[in-house]
Amino acid sequence: MTLREGSVWRERCVLAWVLYDWANSAFALVVMTSFVPVLLAGYWNDGAPSSVGTFRLGLANGIASLLVAIGMPLLGALADRSGRRQAWLLWITGIGVALTAALALAGPGQWPVALTLYVLGSIAFAACNALYDSLLVDVAQPGDYDRVSAAGYGFGYLGSALLFTVLVVVAARPALAGLGDTNAALRGAFVVVAGWWLLFSVPLATWVHDDPAREGGPGALVAGFGQILRTLREARRRPVLFRFLLAYWLYIDGVYTIIKMAVDYGLALGLSSQQLLQAILLTNFVAFPAALAFGRLAAVIGVRAGIGAGLAVYIAATLAAPFVATTGGFYALALAVGLVQGGVQSLSRSLFARLVPAGQSGEYFGFYNMLGKFAAIIGPVLAGTATLVTGSQRLGILSVLVLFVAGAGLLSGVRVPRADENA
């Protein structure tokens, strides 16, 4: 029986696809957002000032994002032309799993080893996400895209939060797992995440297969670059759409920078690793229901105003961050970010859908996703460099304000079309 035969088989493939999001979302939350910044500031640090550590983390995130942005369109084109996207996904998953587990081997003061593994692991994670997204058209019927996509997002969010909760408890009480201290628990978490990622990838490896009809021929690199250039030229002939893409590129860079640099900033303020991990847990538990609430808010005030409201919260939080001096203040910032983080991302996607020319959604969303990959290049490097130059993480995080303000300013000039007209 092929992938496109039988409703029972198809639902099994949908479940396998959803479980892959459950599998790899743990890398984003545990590794990227939480444990790597904590260990980089302490266990992996070679005695350098905290401002230098912030610069190193920002530079690593920027390099990873740049390499991902350059490579993902080419990877997608190659995978499409070969007709072996599932096989490529599984191979790169194996690489990502190995790199994640290897982070546990980086010893005290070995920040170059840790950051090299982290950058390579982040690239593998992003490559897996790109290939995973492309399999949606094979596991679901067009009328089910929204339902299946939402299920993947929801289960990924839930799975990573549940695993993160367990790992935070173990980090707080390492003796429960027979570990000597918190650093051992944090390093052991990388092995757990690797195992989690591998285990829940098995259903996709077993049940989901590429559609042979999608196999293609050579010329993928030329085709990939050619498609990007054609879409960019077309977008520039649509001023409203092009303005939104510029706005999105700026403000989503700020959003991703806050996600990736928040823990490092909290450590610089003197918060303990346990307090920071609890704050991240709070952010992730409130973000999902808040994203749903933003959908209702947009129905009342409009999608552009909904995004603007979220960006206003980000601007206020960024302005307030340098003055935070207590654990409670940091928790308040975490709560504020959690309330708008998912909303800004989800409403941006729905606004872009309104601006895309009829019949060209696949082409334009491919470009939109590529643009998202370019995000978190400017922000982390900007924050890291500002911190290194000024010697203050407070001024470093304040530099991200320019991304939110510029993005919000451009967004204010975007006219949202009516349902019966194109952008």
Protein backbone atom coordinates (compact mmCIF):
# COMPACT_ATOMS: atom_id res chain seq x y z
CA MET A 1 0.00 0.00 0.00
CA THR A 2 1.40 3.42 -0.92
CA LEU A 3 1.27 6.58 1.13
CA ARG A 4 -1.76 7.89 -0.77
CA GLU A 5 -3.88 4.75 -0.39
CA GLY A 6 -6.33 4.22 2.45
CA SER A 7 -7.51 6.53 5.19
CA VAL A 8 -6.14 4.34 8.01
CA TRP A 9 -2.66 4.34 6.52
CA ARG A 10 -2.85 8.07 5.91
CA GLU A 11 -3.83 8.81 9.52
CA ARG A 12 -0.93 6.65 10.65
CA CYS A 13 1.39 8.73 8.46
CA VAL A 14 -0.09 11.93 9.88
CA LEU A 15 0.57 10.66 13.41
CA ALA A 16 4.16 9.79 12.47
CA TRP A 17 4.67 13.26 10.99
CA VAL A 18 3.23 14.95 14.09
CA LEU A 19 5.43 12.86 16.38
CA TYR A 20 8.54 14.08 14.59
CA ASP A 21 7.71 17.60 15.76
CA TRP A 22 7.29 16.15 19.26
CA ALA A 23 10.74 14.59 18.76
CA ASN A 24 12.91 17.47 17.61
CA SER A 25 11.27 20.44 19.33
CA ALA A 26 13.15 19.39 22.47
CA PHE A 27 16.37 20.54 20.80
CA ALA A 28 15.05 24.07 20.35
CA LEU A 29 13.83 24.45 23.93
CA VAL A 30 16.36 22.44 25.93
CA VAL A 31 19.55 22.92 23.92
CA MET A 32 19.24 26.24 22.07
CA THR A 33 17.15 28.29 24.47
CA SER A 34 18.18 26.94 27.87
CA PHE A 35 21.05 24.60 28.68
CA VAL A 36 23.75 25.74 26.24
CA PRO A 37 23.60 29.39 27.46
CA VAL A 38 23.70 28.21 31.09
CA LEU A 39 26.74 25.98 30.60
CA LEU A 40 28.48 28.53 28.39
CA ALA A 41 28.27 31.10 31.17
CA GLY A 42 29.61 28.72 33.80
CA TYR A 43 30.93 25.21 33.19
CA TRP A 44 32.27 25.82 29.66
CA ASN A 45 33.59 29.30 30.41
CA ASP A 46 37.37 29.72 30.47
CA GLY A 47 37.30 32.53 32.99
CA ALA A 48 36.41 35.26 30.49
CA PRO A 49 34.12 38.12 31.59
CA SER A 50 30.42 37.56 31.10
CA SER A 51 30.34 40.18 28.34
CA VAL A 52 32.79 38.05 26.31
CA GLY A 53 30.56 35.02 26.87
CA THR A 54 27.58 36.97 25.55
CA PHE A 55 29.56 37.95 22.46
CA ARG A 56 30.57 34.33 21.85
CA LEU A 57 26.98 33.09 22.11
CA GLY A 58 25.66 35.88 19.90
CA LEU A 59 28.30 35.24 17.25
CA ALA A 60 27.63 31.48 17.30
CA ASN A 61 23.89 32.02 16.85
CA GLY A 62 24.50 34.51 14.05
CA ILE A 63 26.89 32.18 12.19
CA ALA A 64 24.48 29.24 12.50
CA SER A 65 21.56 31.32 11.21
CA LEU A 66 23.59 32.67 8.27
CA LEU A 67 24.72 29.20 7.20
CA VAL A 68 21.18 27.90 7.53
CA ALA A 69 19.76 30.76 5.46
CA ILE A 70 22.28 30.19 2.69
CA GLY A 71 22.00 26.42 2.64
CA MET A 72 18.31 25.67 3.18
CA PRO A 73 16.97 26.74 -0.25
CA LEU A 74 19.65 24.63 -1.89
CA LEU A 75 18.95 21.66 0.37
CA GLY A 76 15.25 21.91 -0.38
CA ALA A 77 15.87 22.06 -4.12
CA LEU A 78 18.24 19.08 -4.01
CA ALA A 79 15.82 17.04 -1.92
CA ASP A 80 12.89 17.87 -4.22
CA ARG A 81 14.85 17.04 -7.35
CA SER A 82 16.13 13.72 -5.94
CA GLY A 83 12.70 12.71 -4.64
CA ARG A 84 14.33 11.48 -1.42
CA ARG A 85 13.32 14.06 1.16
CA GLN A 86 12.40 11.49 3.80
CA ALA A 87 15.73 9.70 3.40
CA TRP A 88 17.62 12.99 3.64
CA LEU A 89 15.61 13.93 6.72
CA LEU A 90 16.52 10.68 8.45
CA TRP A 91 20.21 10.96 7.60
CA ILE A 92 20.41 14.52 8.88
CA THR A 93 18.39 13.53 11.95
CA GLY A 94 21.09 10.97 12.73
CA ILE A 95 23.76 13.66 12.42
CA GLY A 96 21.76 16.06 14.63
CA VAL A 97 21.23 13.38 17.26
CA ALA A 98 24.94 12.55 17.35
CA LEU A 99 25.96 16.20 17.64
CA THR A 100 23.44 16.77 20.43
CA ALA A 101 24.73 13.82 22.44
CA ALA A 102 28.33 14.92 21.81
CA LEU A 103 27.68 18.21 23.64
CA ALA A 104 27.79 16.19 26.86
CA LEU A 105 31.47 15.44 26.19
CA ALA A 106 32.62 19.09 26.19
CA GLY A 107 34.59 19.56 29.39
CA PRO A 108 35.23 22.49 31.74
CA GLY A 109 36.41 25.60 29.91
CA GLN A 110 36.02 23.96 26.49
CA TRP A 111 33.76 26.64 25.00
CA PRO A 112 35.26 26.35 21.46
CA VAL A 113 34.36 22.64 21.35
CA ALA A 114 30.91 23.25 22.81
CA LEU A 115 30.04 26.12 20.46
CA THR A 116 31.31 24.24 17.40
CA LEU A 117 29.06 21.30 18.25
CA TYR A 118 26.21 23.71 19.02
CA VAL A 119 26.50 25.54 15.68
CA LEU A 120 26.66 22.28 13.72
CA GLY A 121 23.76 20.83 15.71
CA SER A 122 21.68 23.97 15.10
CA ILE A 123 22.29 23.68 11.36
CA ALA A 124 21.22 20.02 11.41
CA PHE A 125 18.10 20.91 13.40
CA ALA A 126 17.12 23.63 10.92
CA ALA A 127 17.77 21.35 7.94
CA CYS A 128 15.53 18.69 9.49
CA ASN A 129 12.76 21.25 10.01
CA ALA A 130 12.90 22.36 6.38
CA LEU A 131 12.65 18.78 5.08
CA TYR A 132 10.01 17.90 7.66
CA ASP A 133 7.83 20.85 6.59
CA SER A 134 8.05 19.77 2.96
CA LEU A 135 6.62 16.32 3.79
CA LEU A 136 3.31 17.87 4.86
CA VAL A 137 2.05 17.74 1.27
CA ASP A 138 2.67 13.99 1.21
CA VAL A 139 1.07 13.02 4.54
CA ALA A 140 -2.06 15.19 4.34
CA GLN A 141 -4.71 16.12 1.81
CA PRO A 142 -4.89 19.84 0.89
CA GLY A 143 -8.07 20.29 2.92
CA ASP A 144 -6.30 18.93 6.00
CA TYR A 145 -3.12 21.05 5.82
CA ASP A 146 -4.24 23.50 8.52
CA ARG A 147 -5.38 20.75 10.91
CA VAL A 148 -2.28 18.62 10.49
CA SER A 149 0.12 21.56 10.62
CA ALA A 150 -1.51 22.84 13.82
CA ALA A 151 -1.32 19.38 15.35
CA GLY A 152 2.41 19.22 14.65
CA TYR A 153 2.96 22.62 16.23
CA GLY A 154 0.84 21.79 19.27
CA PHE A 155 2.38 18.38 19.95
CA GLY A 156 5.88 19.76 19.43
CA TYR A 157 5.18 22.48 21.95
CA LEU A 158 3.67 20.04 24.45
CA GLY A 159 6.35 17.38 24.08
CA SER A 160 9.29 19.75 24.50
CA ALA A 161 7.67 21.41 27.53
CA LEU A 162 7.03 18.06 29.24
CA LEU A 163 10.59 16.84 28.68
CA PHE A 164 11.99 20.20 29.73
CA THR A 165 10.00 20.05 32.97
CA VAL A 166 11.52 16.67 33.86
CA LEU A 167 15.04 17.86 33.02
CA VAL A 168 14.63 21.02 35.11
CA VAL A 169 13.56 18.90 38.09
CA VAL A 170 16.60 16.65 37.65
CA ALA A 171 18.88 19.68 37.34
CA ALA A 172 17.46 21.02 40.59
CA ARG A 173 17.88 17.66 42.36
CA PRO A 174 20.64 15.80 40.49
CA ALA A 175 20.92 13.19 43.24
CA LEU A 176 17.53 11.82 42.15
CA ALA A 177 19.18 10.61 38.93
CA GLY A 178 22.40 9.54 40.63
CA LEU A 179 24.29 12.58 39.32
CA GLY A 180 26.89 14.52 41.25
CA ASP A 181 25.85 18.09 40.57
CA THR A 182 23.77 20.41 38.42
CA ASN A 183 26.41 20.64 35.68
CA ALA A 184 26.37 16.86 35.31
CA ALA A 185 22.57 16.96 35.05
CA LEU A 186 22.68 19.69 32.40
CA ARG A 187 25.24 17.77 30.33
CA GLY A 188 23.32 14.53 30.74
CA ALA A 189 20.24 16.31 29.41
CA PHE A 190 21.89 16.50 25.98
CA VAL A 191 22.02 12.70 25.85
CA VAL A 192 18.37 12.52 26.91
CA VAL A 193 17.33 15.02 24.22
CA ALA A 194 19.29 13.06 21.61
CA GLY A 195 17.54 9.84 22.64
CA TRP A 196 14.14 11.56 22.65
CA TRP A 197 14.74 12.95 19.15
CA LEU A 198 15.84 9.54 17.85
CA LEU A 199 13.07 7.53 19.53
CA PHE A 200 10.16 9.58 18.27
CA SER A 201 11.63 9.74 14.75
CA VAL A 202 11.10 5.98 14.35
CA PRO A 203 7.41 6.24 13.30
CA LEU A 204 8.30 8.68 10.52
CA ALA A 205 11.11 6.41 9.37
CA THR A 206 8.71 3.44 9.37
CA TRP A 207 5.49 4.83 7.89
CA VAL A 208 6.23 7.99 5.89
CA HIS A 209 7.76 7.68 2.44
CA ASP A 210 8.39 10.09 -0.41
CA ASP A 211 5.95 10.30 -3.27
CA PRO A 212 7.78 8.75 -6.29
CA ALA A 213 5.93 11.17 -8.57
CA ARG A 214 7.97 14.01 -7.06
CA GLU A 215 11.32 12.59 -8.19
CA GLY A 216 13.20 14.92 -10.49
CA GLY A 217 16.42 15.36 -12.37
CA PRO A 218 19.64 17.37 -12.10
CA GLY A 219 20.05 21.12 -11.86
CA ALA A 220 18.77 21.54 -8.30
CA LEU A 221 21.30 24.18 -7.31
CA VAL A 222 20.52 26.37 -10.31
CA ALA A 223 16.80 25.79 -9.82
CA GLY A 224 16.97 26.72 -6.15
CA PHE A 225 18.77 30.00 -6.71
CA GLY A 226 16.68 30.78 -9.79
CA GLN A 227 13.43 30.35 -7.87
CA ILE A 228 14.62 32.69 -5.10
CA LEU A 229 15.61 35.40 -7.57
CA ARG A 230 12.35 35.12 -9.51
CA THR A 231 10.26 35.38 -6.36
CA LEU A 232 12.28 38.36 -5.12
CA ARG A 233 11.83 40.21 -8.43
CA GLU A 234 8.10 39.52 -8.38
CA ALA A 235 7.80 40.62 -4.73
CA ARG A 236 9.50 43.93 -5.46
CA ARG A 237 6.77 44.68 -7.99
CA ARG A 238 4.24 44.42 -5.15
CA PRO A 239 5.09 47.31 -2.78
CA VAL A 240 2.78 46.26 0.06
CA LEU A 241 4.05 42.69 0.10
CA PHE A 242 7.68 43.78 -0.20
CA ARG A 243 7.27 46.28 2.66
CA PHE A 244 5.80 43.57 4.86
CA LEU A 245 8.69 41.21 4.09
CA LEU A 246 11.19 43.90 5.14
CA ALA A 247 9.22 44.58 8.32
CA TYR A 248 8.95 40.88 9.12
CA TRP A 249 12.66 40.29 8.57
CA LEU A 250 13.52 43.00 11.09
CA TYR A 251 11.05 42.34 13.89
CA ILE A 252 11.20 38.52 13.72
CA ASP A 253 15.00 38.84 14.05
CA GLY A 254 14.35 40.66 17.31
CA VAL A 255 11.92 37.95 18.44
CA TYR A 256 14.43 35.16 17.77
CA THR A 257 17.23 37.14 19.40
CA ILE A 258 15.23 37.44 22.62
CA ILE A 259 14.54 33.70 22.54
CA LYS A 260 18.19 32.77 22.06
CA MET A 261 19.80 35.38 24.34
CA ALA A 262 17.35 35.60 27.27
CA VAL A 263 19.06 33.00 29.47
CA ASP A 264 22.49 34.56 28.94
CA TYR A 265 21.04 37.94 29.92
CA GLY A 266 19.43 36.55 33.05
CA LEU A 267 22.72 34.96 34.12
CA ALA A 268 24.45 38.32 33.70
CA LEU A 269 21.87 39.82 36.06
CA GLY A 270 22.88 37.31 38.72
CA LEU A 271 19.94 34.90 38.52
CA SER A 272 20.66 31.25 39.24
CA SER A 273 20.39 28.64 36.54
CA GLN A 274 17.38 27.13 38.31
CA GLN A 275 15.55 30.46 38.38
CA LEU A 276 16.25 30.98 34.69
CA LEU A 277 15.09 27.51 33.68
CA GLN A 278 11.87 28.04 35.62
CA ALA A 279 11.36 31.35 33.80
CA ILE A 280 11.82 29.64 30.43
CA LEU A 281 9.33 26.98 31.50
CA LEU A 282 6.84 29.71 32.40
CA THR A 283 7.31 31.37 29.01
CA ASN A 284 6.68 28.17 27.10
CA PHE A 285 3.61 27.11 29.04
CA VAL A 286 1.83 30.45 28.50
CA ALA A 287 2.90 30.97 24.86
CA PHE A 288 0.69 28.33 23.23
CA PRO A 289 -2.70 29.35 24.71
CA ALA A 290 -1.70 33.00 24.26
CA ALA A 291 -1.12 32.36 20.55
CA LEU A 292 -4.66 31.02 20.27
CA ALA A 293 -5.96 34.09 22.09
CA PHE A 294 -4.15 36.33 19.59
CA GLY A 295 -6.15 34.70 16.83
CA ARG A 296 -9.34 35.91 18.53
CA LEU A 297 -7.82 39.33 19.17
CA ALA A 298 -7.01 39.73 15.48
CA ALA A 299 -10.64 39.01 14.62
CA VAL A 300 -11.62 42.01 16.73
CA ILE A 301 -8.91 44.61 16.04
CA GLY A 302 -7.41 43.30 12.81
CA VAL A 303 -4.35 41.22 12.02
CA ARG A 304 -1.93 44.14 11.53
CA ALA A 305 -3.04 45.75 14.79
CA GLY A 306 -2.66 42.39 16.53
CA ILE A 307 0.96 42.10 15.40
CA GLY A 308 1.50 45.75 16.37
CA ALA A 309 0.18 45.05 19.87
CA GLY A 310 2.62 42.18 20.24
CA LEU A 311 5.53 44.30 19.02
CA ALA A 312 4.53 47.05 21.45
CA VAL A 313 4.92 44.55 24.28
CA TYR A 314 8.33 43.51 22.94
CA ILE A 315 9.43 47.17 22.74
CA ALA A 316 8.24 47.82 26.29
CA ALA A 317 9.96 44.66 27.57
CA THR A 318 13.23 45.57 25.83
CA LEU A 319 13.12 49.09 27.29
CA ALA A 320 12.40 47.69 30.75
CA ALA A 321 15.03 44.94 30.63
CA PRO A 322 18.05 47.13 31.54
CA PHE A 323 16.25 48.22 34.74
CA VAL A 324 15.34 44.73 35.96
CA ALA A 325 17.16 43.99 39.20
CA THR A 326 15.12 41.23 40.84
CA THR A 327 14.04 37.68 40.09
CA GLY A 328 10.41 38.79 40.11
CA GLY A 329 11.15 41.44 37.49
CA PHE A 330 12.78 38.89 35.21
CA TYR A 331 9.81 36.55 35.65
CA ALA A 332 7.50 39.41 34.70
CA LEU A 333 9.50 39.96 31.50
CA ALA A 334 9.38 36.23 30.74
CA LEU A 335 5.60 36.24 31.21
CA ALA A 336 5.19 39.28 28.95
CA VAL A 337 7.27 37.69 26.20
CA GLY A 338 5.39 34.40 26.52
CA LEU A 339 2.08 36.17 26.08
CA VAL A 340 3.04 37.67 22.70
CA GLN A 341 5.72 35.39 21.26
CA GLY A 342 3.43 32.88 19.57
CA GLY A 343 0.91 35.54 18.61
CA VAL A 344 3.41 37.63 16.64
CA GLN A 345 4.62 34.55 14.77
CA SER A 346 1.19 33.13 13.96
CA LEU A 347 -0.39 36.46 12.93
CA SER A 348 2.60 37.29 10.74
CA ARG A 349 2.01 34.08 8.81
CA SER A 350 -1.70 34.77 8.39
CA LEU A 351 -1.09 38.37 7.28
CA PHE A 352 1.42 37.18 4.71
CA ALA A 353 -1.18 34.71 3.40
CA ARG A 354 -3.47 37.69 2.71
CA LEU A 355 -0.75 39.44 0.71
CA VAL A 356 0.35 36.48 -1.44
CA PRO A 357 -0.89 36.57 -5.07
CA ALA A 358 -3.58 34.02 -5.86
CA GLY A 359 -2.20 30.72 -7.11
CA GLN A 360 1.38 31.44 -5.96
CA SER A 361 1.23 30.48 -2.28
CA GLY A 362 3.78 27.67 -2.54
CA GLU A 363 6.38 29.86 -4.23
CA TYR A 364 5.90 32.80 -1.87
CA PHE A 365 5.76 30.80 1.34
CA GLY A 366 9.01 29.12 0.33
CA PHE A 367 10.56 32.57 0.14
CA TYR A 368 8.89 33.60 3.42
CA ASN A 369 10.36 30.58 5.20
CA MET A 370 13.79 31.32 3.76
CA LEU A 371 13.53 34.89 5.02
CA GLY A 372 12.66 33.55 8.47
CA LYS A 373 15.85 31.49 8.37
CA PHE A 374 17.83 34.70 7.85
CA ALA A 375 16.35 35.99 11.11
CA ALA A 376 18.49 35.89 14.25
CA ILE A 377 21.61 36.85 12.28
CA ILE A 378 21.65 40.60 12.97
CA GLY A 379 20.20 40.57 16.48
CA PRO A 380 22.52 38.12 18.30
CA VAL A 381 25.62 39.62 16.69
CA LEU A 382 24.34 43.15 17.43
CA ALA A 383 23.61 42.33 21.08
CA GLY A 384 26.89 40.45 21.50
CA THR A 385 28.98 43.20 19.92
CA ALA A 386 27.25 45.96 21.91
CA THR A 387 27.86 44.00 25.09
CA LEU A 388 31.53 43.47 24.25
CA VAL A 389 32.09 47.15 23.39
CA THR A 390 30.20 48.60 26.38
CA GLY A 391 30.96 45.83 28.85
CA SER A 392 27.28 45.74 29.81
CA GLN A 393 24.67 43.10 28.95
CA ARG A 394 22.01 45.69 29.84
CA LEU A 395 23.12 47.95 26.98
CA GLY A 396 23.63 44.92 24.75
CA ILE A 397 20.03 43.77 25.04
CA LEU A 398 18.83 47.34 24.57
CA SER A 399 20.43 47.38 21.10
CA VAL A 400 17.80 44.88 19.92
CA LEU A 401 15.25 47.67 20.30
CA VAL A 402 16.19 49.04 16.87
CA LEU A 403 14.92 45.85 15.20
CA PHE A 404 11.50 46.05 16.87
CA VAL A 405 11.08 49.78 16.26
CA ALA A 406 12.16 49.61 12.61
CA GLY A 407 10.01 46.55 11.96
CA ALA A 408 6.96 48.08 13.63
CA GLY A 409 7.45 51.33 11.68
CA LEU A 410 7.49 49.50 8.35
CA LEU A 411 4.53 47.35 9.38
CA SER A 412 2.43 50.44 10.12
CA GLY A 413 2.51 51.30 6.41
CA VAL A 414 1.30 47.88 5.26
CA ARG A 415 -2.26 48.04 3.97
CA VAL A 416 -4.11 44.79 4.62
CA PRO A 417 -6.18 43.92 1.54
CA ARG A 418 -9.83 42.97 1.68
CA ALA A 419 -10.74 39.34 1.14
CA ASP A 420 -11.82 40.06 -2.44
CA GLU A 421 -8.61 41.73 -3.63
CA ASN A 422 -4.93 40.88 -4.07
CA ALA A 423 -2.05 42.79 -2.51
